[in-house]
């Protein structure tokens, strides 16, 4: 096994991990803060990718699509939270699961009717179409861009959550939403904004992933399952848990596919089971 092979697999795993982080971060905060089990979160990722494809076809500009698609999906997430999820507050997770699973099916049918069932591809922008020498190997610029953007967004989100007033409100909301509301803060608006930001992050991940992994029906379910595993491993309501959980699961899955393709999925679940046996609340989750 050569060092070139290990380097390529590590970078591929890092890219997959950071895409997972963009989904798991929003999913973890939404569940931890709002107690909402959102099975439609993967649909935001899928819709971001397909809307980005349509924008590139219409305007011929990947960067414009990368800006507009997350805003559109974020606005959709805001509406979903306000109109559909808000009335279910206090009714338990079963109602949320049924509603969001139904929304995921609606999104899948809408995608099928609008873009068809064929596997589609989104070409990277000309600036990212080549490759970059990393020692003895050449690595695609688009994949490096995904890694850089994932790390940058992780750093920005970490600073916002740990160093700003809105971040303090979000952290307090995860700990005790009723107490935050009792301080005169419009916690329902904060909930809606957090949900919308989570949807926009997932859509952003969909747009930057499209040139790398392509677009196909079912990409929402694949990413949702992986993101849920990350949330369980990292712990609910913590960006740090989402980040390190994504790195662990992303690298394990990628190296598993490369070294033991018949047991790749098993390796991920073995890691999850081992962590839950040692820390039932996840790596950085807190006991409640």
C-alpha atoms as a PDB file:
ATOM      1  CA  UNK A   1       0.000   0.000   0.000  1.00  0.00           C
ATOM      2  CA  UNK A   2       1.687   3.187  -1.214  1.00  0.00           C
ATOM      3  CA  UNK A   3       1.781   6.591   0.433  1.00  0.00           C
ATOM      4  CA  UNK A   4       0.209   8.055  -2.726  1.00  0.00           C
ATOM      5  CA  UNK A   5      -2.794   5.779  -2.270  1.00  0.00           C
ATOM      6  CA  UNK A   6      -3.132   6.697   1.418  1.00  0.00           C
ATOM      7  CA  UNK A   7      -2.904  10.430   0.649  1.00  0.00           C
ATOM      8  CA  UNK A   8      -5.585  10.244  -2.047  1.00  0.00           C
ATOM      9  CA  UNK A   9      -7.908   8.231   0.183  1.00  0.00           C
ATOM     10  CA  UNK A  10      -7.355  10.600   3.107  1.00  0.00           C
ATOM     11  CA  UNK A  11      -8.222  13.628   0.944  1.00  0.00           C
ATOM     12  CA  UNK A  12     -11.265  11.888  -0.507  1.00  0.00           C
ATOM     13  CA  UNK A  13     -12.386  10.988   3.008  1.00  0.00           C
ATOM     14  CA  UNK A  14     -11.830  14.572   4.164  1.00  0.00           C
ATOM     15  CA  UNK A  15     -13.933  15.881   1.281  1.00  0.00           C
ATOM     16  CA  UNK A  16     -16.761  13.442   2.089  1.00  0.00           C
ATOM     17  CA  UNK A  17     -16.505  14.304   5.770  1.00  0.00           C
ATOM     18  CA  UNK A  18     -16.822  18.041   5.216  1.00  0.00           C
ATOM     19  CA  UNK A  19     -19.832  17.575   2.947  1.00  0.00           C
ATOM     20  CA  UNK A  20     -21.358  15.501   5.728  1.00  0.00           C
ATOM     21  CA  UNK A  21     -20.591  18.274   8.196  1.00  0.00           C
ATOM     22  CA  UNK A  22     -22.658  20.759   6.177  1.00  0.00           C
ATOM     23  CA  UNK A  23     -25.680  18.505   6.648  1.00  0.00           C
ATOM     24  CA  UNK A  24     -24.967  17.239  10.136  1.00  0.00           C
ATOM     25  CA  UNK A  25     -24.323  20.712  11.601  1.00  0.00           C
ATOM     26  CA  UNK A  26     -27.822  21.948  10.796  1.00  0.00           C
ATOM     27  CA  UNK A  27     -29.435  18.623  11.662  1.00  0.00           C
ATOM     28  CA  UNK A  28     -27.692  18.456  15.044  1.00  0.00           C
ATOM     29  CA  UNK A  29     -28.510  22.033  16.067  1.00  0.00           C
ATOM     30  CA  UNK A  30     -32.120  21.752  14.865  1.00  0.00           C
ATOM     31  CA  UNK A  31     -32.669  18.530  16.800  1.00  0.00           C
ATOM     32  CA  UNK A  32     -30.753  19.688  19.852  1.00  0.00           C
ATOM     33  CA  UNK A  33     -32.348  23.150  20.021  1.00  0.00           C
ATOM     34  CA  UNK A  34     -35.833  22.631  18.594  1.00  0.00           C
ATOM     35  CA  UNK A  35     -36.318  18.920  19.376  1.00  0.00           C
ATOM     36  CA  UNK A  36     -37.401  18.437  15.751  1.00  0.00           C
ATOM     37  CA  UNK A  37     -36.637  15.167  13.996  1.00  0.00           C
ATOM     38  CA  UNK A  38     -36.372  16.359  10.396  1.00  0.00           C
ATOM     39  CA  UNK A  39     -36.257  13.481   7.907  1.00  0.00           C
ATOM     40  CA  UNK A  40     -36.579  15.992   5.050  1.00  0.00           C
ATOM     41  CA  UNK A  41     -33.141  17.479   5.743  1.00  0.00           C
ATOM     42  CA  UNK A  42     -31.560  15.397   2.998  1.00  0.00           C
ATOM     43  CA  UNK A  43     -34.139  16.840   0.590  1.00  0.00           C
ATOM     44  CA  UNK A  44     -32.675  20.311   1.130  1.00  0.00           C
ATOM     45  CA  UNK A  45     -29.302  18.906   0.029  1.00  0.00           C
ATOM     46  CA  UNK A  46     -30.856  17.340  -3.069  1.00  0.00           C
ATOM     47  CA  UNK A  47     -32.907  20.407  -3.984  1.00  0.00           C
ATOM     48  CA  UNK A  48     -29.843  22.620  -3.597  1.00  0.00           C
ATOM     49  CA  UNK A  49     -27.954  20.457  -6.091  1.00  0.00           C
ATOM     50  CA  UNK A  50     -30.769  20.392  -8.666  1.00  0.00           C
ATOM     51  CA  UNK A  51     -31.638  24.074  -8.312  1.00  0.00           C
ATOM     52  CA  UNK A  52     -27.934  24.856  -8.694  1.00  0.00           C
ATOM     53  CA  UNK A  53     -27.895  22.787 -11.890  1.00  0.00           C
ATOM     54  CA  UNK A  54     -30.855  24.749 -13.304  1.00  0.00           C
ATOM     55  CA  UNK A  55     -29.222  28.058 -12.429  1.00  0.00           C
ATOM     56  CA  UNK A  56     -25.975  27.044 -14.126  1.00  0.00           C
ATOM     57  CA  UNK A  57     -27.926  25.998 -17.214  1.00  0.00           C
ATOM     58  CA  UNK A  58     -29.865  29.277 -17.221  1.00  0.00           C
ATOM     59  CA  UNK A  59     -27.037  31.721 -16.487  1.00  0.00           C
ATOM     60  CA  UNK A  60     -23.879  29.731 -17.185  1.00  0.00           C
ATOM     61  CA  UNK A  61     -22.374  30.819 -13.864  1.00  0.00           C
ATOM     62  CA  UNK A  62     -21.544  28.307 -11.128  1.00  0.00           C
ATOM     63  CA  UNK A  63     -20.745  31.014  -8.574  1.00  0.00           C
ATOM     64  CA  UNK A  64     -24.151  32.632  -9.030  1.00  0.00           C
ATOM     65  CA  UNK A  65     -25.788  29.249  -8.511  1.00  0.00           C
ATOM     66  CA  UNK A  66     -23.690  28.717  -5.376  1.00  0.00           C
ATOM     67  CA  UNK A  67     -25.065  31.998  -4.002  1.00  0.00           C
ATOM     68  CA  UNK A  68     -28.715  31.773  -5.051  1.00  0.00           C
ATOM     69  CA  UNK A  69     -29.554  28.078  -4.532  1.00  0.00           C
ATOM     70  CA  UNK A  70     -28.847  28.090  -0.745  1.00  0.00           C
ATOM     71  CA  UNK A  71     -30.887  31.298  -0.366  1.00  0.00           C
ATOM     72  CA  UNK A  72     -33.846  29.738  -2.180  1.00  0.00           C
ATOM     73  CA  UNK A  73     -33.695  26.528  -0.163  1.00  0.00           C
ATOM     74  CA  UNK A  74     -33.144  28.480   3.070  1.00  0.00           C
ATOM     75  CA  UNK A  75     -36.307  30.483   2.369  1.00  0.00           C
ATOM     76  CA  UNK A  76     -38.138  27.213   1.719  1.00  0.00           C
ATOM     77  CA  UNK A  77     -36.862  25.864   5.035  1.00  0.00           C
ATOM     78  CA  UNK A  78     -38.106  28.995   6.828  1.00  0.00           C
ATOM     79  CA  UNK A  79     -41.585  28.474   5.345  1.00  0.00           C
ATOM     80  CA  UNK A  80     -41.613  24.761   6.193  1.00  0.00           C
ATOM     81  CA  UNK A  81     -40.757  25.465   9.812  1.00  0.00           C
ATOM     82  CA  UNK A  82     -43.279  28.281  10.197  1.00  0.00           C
ATOM     83  CA  UNK A  83     -46.185  26.725   8.329  1.00  0.00           C
ATOM     84  CA  UNK A  84     -45.850  22.971   8.789  1.00  0.00           C
ATOM     85  CA  UNK A  85     -43.605  22.146  11.743  1.00  0.00           C
ATOM     86  CA  UNK A  86     -44.642  24.921  14.126  1.00  0.00           C
ATOM     87  CA  UNK A  87     -48.218  23.574  14.563  1.00  0.00           C
ATOM     88  CA  UNK A  88     -46.749  20.205  15.622  1.00  0.00           C
ATOM     89  CA  UNK A  89     -44.826  21.685  18.545  1.00  0.00           C
ATOM     90  CA  UNK A  90     -45.356  19.582  21.645  1.00  0.00           C
ATOM     91  CA  UNK A  91     -46.983  16.671  19.804  1.00  0.00           C
ATOM     92  CA  UNK A  92     -44.017  14.316  19.941  1.00  0.00           C
ATOM     93  CA  UNK A  93     -41.507  12.970  17.463  1.00  0.00           C
ATOM     94  CA  UNK A  94     -43.850  10.544  15.715  1.00  0.00           C
ATOM     95  CA  UNK A  95     -45.883  13.358  14.138  1.00  0.00           C
ATOM     96  CA  UNK A  96     -42.671  15.119  13.100  1.00  0.00           C
ATOM     97  CA  UNK A  97     -41.281  11.930  11.558  1.00  0.00           C
ATOM     98  CA  UNK A  98     -44.469  11.284   9.595  1.00  0.00           C
ATOM     99  CA  UNK A  99     -44.686  14.876   8.345  1.00  0.00           C
ATOM    100  CA  UNK A 100     -41.029  15.249   7.373  1.00  0.00           C
ATOM    101  CA  UNK A 101     -40.953  11.789   5.786  1.00  0.00           C
ATOM    102  CA  UNK A 102     -43.961  12.869   3.719  1.00  0.00           C
ATOM    103  CA  UNK A 103     -42.158  16.089   2.765  1.00  0.00           C
ATOM    104  CA  UNK A 104     -39.146  14.041   1.666  1.00  0.00           C
ATOM    105  CA  UNK A 105     -41.393  11.956  -0.600  1.00  0.00           C
ATOM    106  CA  UNK A 106     -42.980  15.105  -2.023  1.00  0.00           C
ATOM    107  CA  UNK A 107     -39.524  16.573  -2.697  1.00  0.00           C
ATOM    108  CA  UNK A 108     -38.463  13.333  -4.391  1.00  0.00           C
ATOM    109  CA  UNK A 109     -41.548  13.325  -6.651  1.00  0.00           C
ATOM    110  CA  UNK A 110     -41.080  17.020  -7.433  1.00  0.00           C
ATOM    111  CA  UNK A 111     -37.457  16.414  -8.380  1.00  0.00           C
ATOM    112  CA  UNK A 112     -38.432  13.449 -10.547  1.00  0.00           C
ATOM    113  CA  UNK A 113     -41.148  15.434 -12.332  1.00  0.00           C
ATOM    114  CA  UNK A 114     -38.954  18.518 -12.840  1.00  0.00           C
ATOM    115  CA  UNK A 115     -35.534  17.100 -13.694  1.00  0.00           C
ATOM    116  CA  UNK A 116     -36.276  13.473 -14.591  1.00  0.00           C
ATOM    117  CA  UNK A 117     -34.856  10.210 -13.313  1.00  0.00           C
ATOM    118  CA  UNK A 118     -31.584  10.190 -15.247  1.00  0.00           C
ATOM    119  CA  UNK A 119     -28.255  10.721 -13.519  1.00  0.00           C
ATOM    120  CA  UNK A 120     -27.149  14.274 -14.296  1.00  0.00           C
ATOM    121  CA  UNK A 121     -23.801  16.017 -14.023  1.00  0.00           C
ATOM    122  CA  UNK A 122     -22.805  19.565 -13.224  1.00  0.00           C
ATOM    123  CA  UNK A 123     -19.536  20.711 -14.710  1.00  0.00           C
ATOM    124  CA  UNK A 124     -17.176  22.538 -12.353  1.00  0.00           C
ATOM    125  CA  UNK A 125     -16.409  26.168 -13.180  1.00  0.00           C
ATOM    126  CA  UNK A 126     -13.399  26.704 -15.479  1.00  0.00           C
ATOM    127  CA  UNK A 127     -11.327  27.945 -12.536  1.00  0.00           C
ATOM    128  CA  UNK A 128     -11.729  24.556 -10.816  1.00  0.00           C
ATOM    129  CA  UNK A 129     -11.655  22.236 -13.828  1.00  0.00           C
ATOM    130  CA  UNK A 130      -8.037  21.152 -13.520  1.00  0.00           C
ATOM    131  CA  UNK A 131      -5.917  19.449 -10.896  1.00  0.00           C
ATOM    132  CA  UNK A 132      -3.191  20.499  -8.495  1.00  0.00           C
ATOM    133  CA  UNK A 133       0.056  18.612  -7.831  1.00  0.00           C
ATOM    134  CA  UNK A 134       0.303  17.496  -4.202  1.00  0.00           C
ATOM    135  CA  UNK A 135       3.705  15.951  -3.949  1.00  0.00           C
ATOM    136  CA  UNK A 136       3.747  12.916  -6.231  1.00  0.00           C
ATOM    137  CA  UNK A 137      -0.002  12.948  -7.023  1.00  0.00           C
ATOM    138  CA  UNK A 138      -2.442  15.144  -8.916  1.00  0.00           C
ATOM    139  CA  UNK A 139      -5.639  16.025  -7.067  1.00  0.00           C
ATOM    140  CA  UNK A 140      -8.750  17.620  -8.658  1.00  0.00           C
ATOM    141  CA  UNK A 141      -9.180  21.304  -7.852  1.00  0.00           C
ATOM    142  CA  UNK A 142     -12.937  20.861  -7.389  1.00  0.00           C
ATOM    143  CA  UNK A 143     -12.399  18.367  -4.599  1.00  0.00           C
ATOM    144  CA  UNK A 144      -9.860  20.680  -2.967  1.00  0.00           C
ATOM    145  CA  UNK A 145     -12.391  23.497  -3.231  1.00  0.00           C
ATOM    146  CA  UNK A 146     -14.945  21.353  -1.373  1.00  0.00           C
ATOM    147  CA  UNK A 147     -12.390  20.703   1.381  1.00  0.00           C
ATOM    148  CA  UNK A 148     -11.423  24.378   1.699  1.00  0.00           C
ATOM    149  CA  UNK A 149     -15.045  25.576   1.741  1.00  0.00           C
ATOM    150  CA  UNK A 150     -16.004  22.956   4.302  1.00  0.00           C
ATOM    151  CA  UNK A 151     -13.160  23.947   6.615  1.00  0.00           C
ATOM    152  CA  UNK A 152     -13.888  27.639   6.124  1.00  0.00           C
ATOM    153  CA  UNK A 153     -17.588  27.246   6.899  1.00  0.00           C
ATOM    154  CA  UNK A 154     -16.792  25.090   9.928  1.00  0.00           C
ATOM    155  CA  UNK A 155     -14.479  27.836  11.249  1.00  0.00           C
ATOM    156  CA  UNK A 156     -17.012  30.604  10.554  1.00  0.00           C
ATOM    157  CA  UNK A 157     -19.869  28.681  12.180  1.00  0.00           C
ATOM    158  CA  UNK A 158     -17.676  27.897  15.171  1.00  0.00           C
ATOM    159  CA  UNK A 159     -16.812  31.570  15.626  1.00  0.00           C
ATOM    160  CA  UNK A 160     -20.445  32.634  15.267  1.00  0.00           C
ATOM    161  CA  UNK A 161     -21.665  30.107  17.809  1.00  0.00           C
ATOM    162  CA  UNK A 162     -18.879  30.726  20.332  1.00  0.00           C
ATOM    163  CA  UNK A 163     -18.157  34.463  19.977  1.00  0.00           C
ATOM    164  CA  UNK A 164     -21.375  36.286  18.973  1.00  0.00           C
ATOM    165  CA  UNK A 165     -24.615  37.223  20.708  1.00  0.00           C
ATOM    166  CA  UNK A 166     -26.726  35.192  18.301  1.00  0.00           C
ATOM    167  CA  UNK A 167     -24.409  32.245  18.938  1.00  0.00           C
ATOM    168  CA  UNK A 168     -24.889  32.624  22.684  1.00  0.00           C
ATOM    169  CA  UNK A 169     -28.659  32.651  22.178  1.00  0.00           C
ATOM    170  CA  UNK A 170     -28.456  29.492  20.072  1.00  0.00           C
ATOM    171  CA  UNK A 171     -26.294  27.737  22.671  1.00  0.00           C
ATOM    172  CA  UNK A 172     -28.670  28.820  25.419  1.00  0.00           C
ATOM    173  CA  UNK A 173     -31.610  27.659  23.311  1.00  0.00           C
ATOM    174  CA  UNK A 174     -30.060  24.210  22.985  1.00  0.00           C
ATOM    175  CA  UNK A 175     -29.633  24.070  26.772  1.00  0.00           C
ATOM    176  CA  UNK A 176     -33.018  25.534  27.787  1.00  0.00           C
ATOM    177  CA  UNK A 177     -35.265  27.095  25.162  1.00  0.00           C
ATOM    178  CA  UNK A 178     -37.998  28.003  27.682  1.00  0.00           C
ATOM    179  CA  UNK A 179     -35.563  29.976  29.818  1.00  0.00           C
ATOM    180  CA  UNK A 180     -34.348  31.891  26.753  1.00  0.00           C
ATOM    181  CA  UNK A 181     -37.939  32.743  25.874  1.00  0.00           C
ATOM    182  CA  UNK A 182     -38.517  33.887  29.453  1.00  0.00           C
ATOM    183  CA  UNK A 183     -35.724  36.469  29.029  1.00  0.00           C
ATOM    184  CA  UNK A 184     -37.761  38.283  26.392  1.00  0.00           C
ATOM    185  CA  UNK A 185     -35.992  36.836  23.353  1.00  0.00           C
ATOM    186  CA  UNK A 186     -38.208  35.870  20.420  1.00  0.00           C
ATOM    187  CA  UNK A 187     -37.189  32.225  20.538  1.00  0.00           C
ATOM    188  CA  UNK A 188     -39.711  31.199  17.882  1.00  0.00           C
ATOM    189  CA  UNK A 189     -38.031  33.527  15.370  1.00  0.00           C
ATOM    190  CA  UNK A 190     -34.623  32.167  16.405  1.00  0.00           C
ATOM    191  CA  UNK A 191     -35.961  28.651  15.784  1.00  0.00           C
ATOM    192  CA  UNK A 192     -37.097  29.618  12.286  1.00  0.00           C
ATOM    193  CA  UNK A 193     -33.770  31.283  11.458  1.00  0.00           C
ATOM    194  CA  UNK A 194     -31.769  28.286  12.707  1.00  0.00           C
ATOM    195  CA  UNK A 195     -33.939  25.936  10.656  1.00  0.00           C
ATOM    196  CA  UNK A 196     -33.511  28.111   7.550  1.00  0.00           C
ATOM    197  CA  UNK A 197     -29.727  28.330   8.028  1.00  0.00           C
ATOM    198  CA  UNK A 198     -29.559  24.559   8.421  1.00  0.00           C
ATOM    199  CA  UNK A 199     -31.498  24.114   5.170  1.00  0.00           C
ATOM    200  CA  UNK A 200     -29.258  26.640   3.382  1.00  0.00           C
ATOM    201  CA  UNK A 201     -26.098  24.851   4.581  1.00  0.00           C
ATOM    202  CA  UNK A 202     -27.442  21.550   3.274  1.00  0.00           C
ATOM    203  CA  UNK A 203     -28.251  23.187  -0.084  1.00  0.00           C
ATOM    204  CA  UNK A 204     -24.787  24.751  -0.222  1.00  0.00           C
ATOM    205  CA  UNK A 205     -23.338  21.289   0.288  1.00  0.00           C
ATOM    206  CA  UNK A 206     -25.532  19.977  -2.526  1.00  0.00           C
ATOM    207  CA  UNK A 207     -24.282  22.599  -4.993  1.00  0.00           C
ATOM    208  CA  UNK A 208     -20.575  22.064  -4.296  1.00  0.00           C
ATOM    209  CA  UNK A 209     -21.014  18.285  -4.226  1.00  0.00           C
ATOM    210  CA  UNK A 210     -22.816  18.110  -7.577  1.00  0.00           C
ATOM    211  CA  UNK A 211     -19.681  18.443  -9.780  1.00  0.00           C
ATOM    212  CA  UNK A 212     -17.964  15.755  -7.705  1.00  0.00           C
ATOM    213  CA  UNK A 213     -20.617  13.083  -7.105  1.00  0.00           C
ATOM    214  CA  UNK A 214     -23.254  13.941  -9.728  1.00  0.00           C
ATOM    215  CA  UNK A 215     -27.015  14.318  -9.270  1.00  0.00           C
ATOM    216  CA  UNK A 216     -29.452  11.454  -8.954  1.00  0.00           C
ATOM    217  CA  UNK A 217     -32.732  10.595  -7.313  1.00  0.00           C
ATOM    218  CA  UNK A 218     -32.096   9.107  -3.893  1.00  0.00           C
ATOM    219  CA  UNK A 219     -29.068  11.236  -3.095  1.00  0.00           C
ATOM    220  CA  UNK A 220     -31.144  12.772  -0.304  1.00  0.00           C
ATOM    221  CA  UNK A 221     -31.673   9.471   1.534  1.00  0.00           C
ATOM    222  CA  UNK A 222     -28.025   8.436   1.214  1.00  0.00           C
ATOM    223  CA  UNK A 223     -26.742  11.650   2.734  1.00  0.00           C
ATOM    224  CA  UNK A 224     -29.463  11.810   5.399  1.00  0.00           C
ATOM    225  CA  UNK A 225     -28.563   8.367   6.760  1.00  0.00           C
ATOM    226  CA  UNK A 226     -24.883   9.297   6.945  1.00  0.00           C
ATOM    227  CA  UNK A 227     -25.709  12.653   8.584  1.00  0.00           C
ATOM    228  CA  UNK A 228     -27.895  10.946  11.193  1.00  0.00           C
ATOM    229  CA  UNK A 229     -25.020   8.593  12.035  1.00  0.00           C
ATOM    230  CA  UNK A 230     -22.741  11.619  12.429  1.00  0.00           C
ATOM    231  CA  UNK A 231     -25.236  13.319  14.755  1.00  0.00           C
ATOM    232  CA  UNK A 232     -25.486  10.199  16.901  1.00  0.00           C
ATOM    233  CA  UNK A 233     -21.706   9.779  17.034  1.00  0.00           C
ATOM    234  CA  UNK A 234     -20.910  13.459  17.646  1.00  0.00           C
ATOM    235  CA  UNK A 235     -23.741  14.231  20.061  1.00  0.00           C
ATOM    236  CA  UNK A 236     -26.848  16.362  19.725  1.00  0.00           C
ATOM    237  CA  UNK A 237     -26.770  20.137  19.611  1.00  0.00           C
ATOM    238  CA  UNK A 238     -23.036  20.666  19.243  1.00  0.00           C
ATOM    239  CA  UNK A 239     -21.113  21.900  16.220  1.00  0.00           C
ATOM    240  CA  UNK A 240     -17.920  20.406  17.603  1.00  0.00           C
ATOM    241  CA  UNK A 241     -19.577  17.003  17.730  1.00  0.00           C
ATOM    242  CA  UNK A 242     -20.895  17.402  14.174  1.00  0.00           C
ATOM    243  CA  UNK A 243     -17.412  18.342  12.928  1.00  0.00           C
ATOM    244  CA  UNK A 244     -15.413  15.576  14.585  1.00  0.00           C
ATOM    245  CA  UNK A 245     -18.164  13.038  14.032  1.00  0.00           C
ATOM    246  CA  UNK A 246     -18.163  13.915  10.323  1.00  0.00           C
ATOM    247  CA  UNK A 247     -14.385  13.503  10.114  1.00  0.00           C
ATOM    248  CA  UNK A 248     -14.515  10.130  11.840  1.00  0.00           C
ATOM    249  CA  UNK A 249     -17.389   8.729   9.793  1.00  0.00           C
ATOM    250  CA  UNK A 250     -16.230  10.263   6.508  1.00  0.00           C
ATOM    251  CA  UNK A 251     -12.729   8.843   6.765  1.00  0.00           C
ATOM    252  CA  UNK A 252     -13.928   5.472   8.045  1.00  0.00           C
ATOM    253  CA  UNK A 253     -16.433   5.135   5.224  1.00  0.00           C
ATOM    254  CA  UNK A 254     -13.948   6.147   2.530  1.00  0.00           C
ATOM    255  CA  UNK A 255     -11.110   3.926   3.732  1.00  0.00           C
ATOM    256  CA  UNK A 256     -13.617   1.123   4.240  1.00  0.00           C
ATOM    257  CA  UNK A 257     -14.786   1.395   0.625  1.00  0.00           C
ATOM    258  CA  UNK A 258     -11.191   1.475  -0.613  1.00  0.00           C
ATOM    259  CA  UNK A 259      -9.729  -1.316   1.536  1.00  0.00           C
ATOM    260  CA  UNK A 260     -12.707  -3.523   2.409  1.00  0.00           C
ATOM    261  CA  UNK A 261     -15.476  -2.705  -0.099  1.00  0.00           C
ATOM    262  CA  UNK A 262     -17.647  -5.624   1.017  1.00  0.00           C
ATOM    263  CA  UNK A 263     -17.617  -4.422   4.627  1.00  0.00           C
ATOM    264  CA  UNK A 264     -17.523  -0.640   4.209  1.00  0.00           C
ATOM    265  CA  UNK A 265     -20.982   0.006   5.650  1.00  0.00           C
ATOM    266  CA  UNK A 266     -20.346  -2.438   8.483  1.00  0.00           C
ATOM    267  CA  UNK A 267     -17.229  -0.516   9.536  1.00  0.00           C
ATOM    268  CA  UNK A 268     -19.247   2.685   9.989  1.00  0.00           C
ATOM    269  CA  UNK A 269     -21.861   0.983  12.151  1.00  0.00           C
ATOM    270  CA  UNK A 270     -19.200  -0.795  14.220  1.00  0.00           C
ATOM    271  CA  UNK A 271     -17.617   2.585  14.988  1.00  0.00           C
ATOM    272  CA  UNK A 272     -21.011   4.047  15.896  1.00  0.00           C
ATOM    273  CA  UNK A 273     -21.839   1.107  18.168  1.00  0.00           C
ATOM    274  CA  UNK A 274     -18.447   1.263  19.898  1.00  0.00           C
ATOM    275  CA  UNK A 275     -18.764   4.988  20.598  1.00  0.00           C
ATOM    276  CA  UNK A 276     -22.306   4.627  21.926  1.00  0.00           C
ATOM    277  CA  UNK A 277     -21.199   1.810  24.224  1.00  0.00           C
ATOM    278  CA  UNK A 278     -18.460   4.024  25.671  1.00  0.00           C
ATOM    279  CA  UNK A 279     -20.349   7.340  25.506  1.00  0.00           C
ATOM    280  CA  UNK A 280     -24.130   6.909  25.088  1.00  0.00           C
ATOM    281  CA  UNK A 281     -24.562  10.657  24.432  1.00  0.00           C
ATOM    282  CA  UNK A 282     -21.951  10.722  21.665  1.00  0.00           C
ATOM    283  CA  UNK A 283     -18.452  12.172  21.602  1.00  0.00           C
ATOM    284  CA  UNK A 284     -19.446  15.666  22.754  1.00  0.00           C
ATOM    285  CA  UNK A 285     -23.077  15.240  23.778  1.00  0.00           C
ATOM    286  CA  UNK A 286     -24.149  16.179  27.281  1.00  0.00           C
ATOM    287  CA  UNK A 287     -26.324  14.187  29.625  1.00  0.00           C
ATOM    288  CA  UNK A 288     -29.785  15.659  30.178  1.00  0.00           C
END
